[in-house]
Amino acid sequence: MIERATTQARRIVFEQEKDPIVDVFALNANGEVTEAGTLPLFPVVPRGDREQFFTSISQLTQWHKELITILDKLMLSQDGGNGGEA
């Protein structure tokens, strides 16, 4: 599950390498360039990719909650159910 979500995220980011880049300039009152920079035009992520990624994130969140519950129960059983008191 983690690998699938990571692969999806990586693919989405790598796809953005193909997106156009825009050079940005700011001009002062005299028409001189005062600032220049380059900005990518992203994120442009297809709807299906977004839905698939967020489904994976939801599944990971559910898995994490279940793991915490299992670990909590395991710790309680090891403590003899006394909440960790000696």
Protein backbone atom coordinates (compact mmCIF):
# COMPACT_ATOMS: atom_id res chain seq x y z
CA MET A 1 0.00 0.00 0.00
CA ILE A 2 2.80 2.43 0.92
CA GLU A 3 4.76 1.53 -2.18
CA ARG A 4 1.70 2.02 -4.40
CA ALA A 5 1.01 5.50 -2.95
CA THR A 6 4.68 6.44 -3.25
CA THR A 7 4.79 5.26 -6.87
CA GLN A 8 1.66 7.29 -7.69
CA ALA A 9 3.07 10.43 -6.06
CA ARG A 10 6.42 9.98 -7.80
CA ARG A 11 4.71 9.54 -11.19
CA ILE A 12 2.60 12.69 -10.65
CA VAL A 13 5.69 14.74 -9.77
CA PHE A 14 7.77 13.37 -12.66
CA GLU A 15 4.94 14.12 -15.11
CA GLN A 16 5.19 17.76 -14.09
CA GLU A 17 8.74 17.90 -15.46
CA LYS A 18 7.13 17.95 -18.90
CA ASP A 19 4.93 20.95 -18.06
CA PRO A 20 5.80 24.36 -19.48
CA ILE A 21 7.82 26.90 -17.53
CA VAL A 22 7.09 30.62 -17.61
CA ASP A 23 9.63 33.41 -17.28
CA VAL A 24 8.21 36.19 -15.10
CA PHE A 25 9.35 39.80 -15.11
CA ALA A 26 8.35 42.83 -13.07
CA LEU A 27 8.80 46.28 -14.57
CA ASN A 28 9.16 49.54 -12.70
CA ALA A 29 7.55 52.84 -13.77
CA ASN A 30 10.39 53.45 -16.26
CA GLY A 31 9.87 50.09 -17.95
CA GLU A 32 13.05 48.60 -16.50
CA VAL A 33 13.09 45.01 -15.29
CA THR A 34 13.24 44.98 -11.49
CA GLU A 35 12.61 41.31 -10.86
CA ALA A 36 12.92 38.23 -12.99
CA GLY A 37 12.17 34.62 -12.24
CA THR A 38 11.06 31.32 -13.63
CA LEU A 39 7.88 29.61 -12.49
CA PRO A 40 6.53 26.20 -13.47
CA LEU A 41 2.89 25.94 -14.45
CA PHE A 42 1.78 23.24 -12.07
CA PRO A 43 0.22 21.37 -10.48
CA VAL A 44 -1.87 20.14 -13.33
CA VAL A 45 -2.84 16.63 -12.27
CA PRO A 46 -5.48 14.68 -14.16
CA ARG A 47 -8.63 14.00 -12.14
CA GLY A 48 -8.18 10.22 -12.26
CA ASP A 49 -4.63 10.47 -10.91
CA ARG A 50 -5.77 12.75 -8.09
CA GLU A 51 -8.63 10.43 -7.15
CA GLN A 52 -6.37 7.37 -7.20
CA PHE A 53 -3.73 9.12 -5.08
CA PHE A 54 -6.23 10.35 -2.48
CA THR A 55 -7.81 6.89 -2.34
CA SER A 56 -4.38 5.49 -1.52
CA ILE A 57 -3.88 8.16 1.16
CA SER A 58 -7.26 7.28 2.69
CA GLN A 59 -6.32 3.60 2.73
CA LEU A 60 -2.99 4.40 4.37
CA THR A 61 -4.76 6.51 6.99
CA GLN A 62 -7.15 3.66 7.79
CA TRP A 63 -4.26 1.19 7.97
CA HIS A 64 -2.40 3.52 10.33
CA LYS A 65 -5.42 3.82 12.64
CA GLU A 66 -5.81 0.03 12.72
CA LEU A 67 -2.09 -0.43 13.43
CA ILE A 68 -2.25 1.99 16.37
CA THR A 69 -5.27 0.12 17.77
CA ILE A 70 -3.44 -3.21 17.50
CA LEU A 71 -0.31 -1.81 19.14
CA ASP A 72 -2.33 -0.24 21.95
CA LYS A 73 -4.06 -3.57 22.64
CA LEU A 74 -0.72 -5.38 22.54
CA MET A 75 0.80 -2.95 25.06
CA LEU A 76 -2.22 -3.31 27.35
CA SER A 77 -1.98 -7.09 27.26
CA GLN A 78 1.74 -6.95 28.05
CA ASP A 79 1.09 -4.59 30.98
CA GLY A 80 -1.47 -7.00 32.33
CA GLY A 81 -4.22 -4.46 31.74
CA ASN A 82 -3.05 -2.19 34.56
CA GLY A 83 -2.30 0.79 32.31
CA GLY A 84 1.45 0.50 32.78
CA GLU A 85 1.40 0.90 36.56
CA ALA A 86 3.94 -1.14 38.52
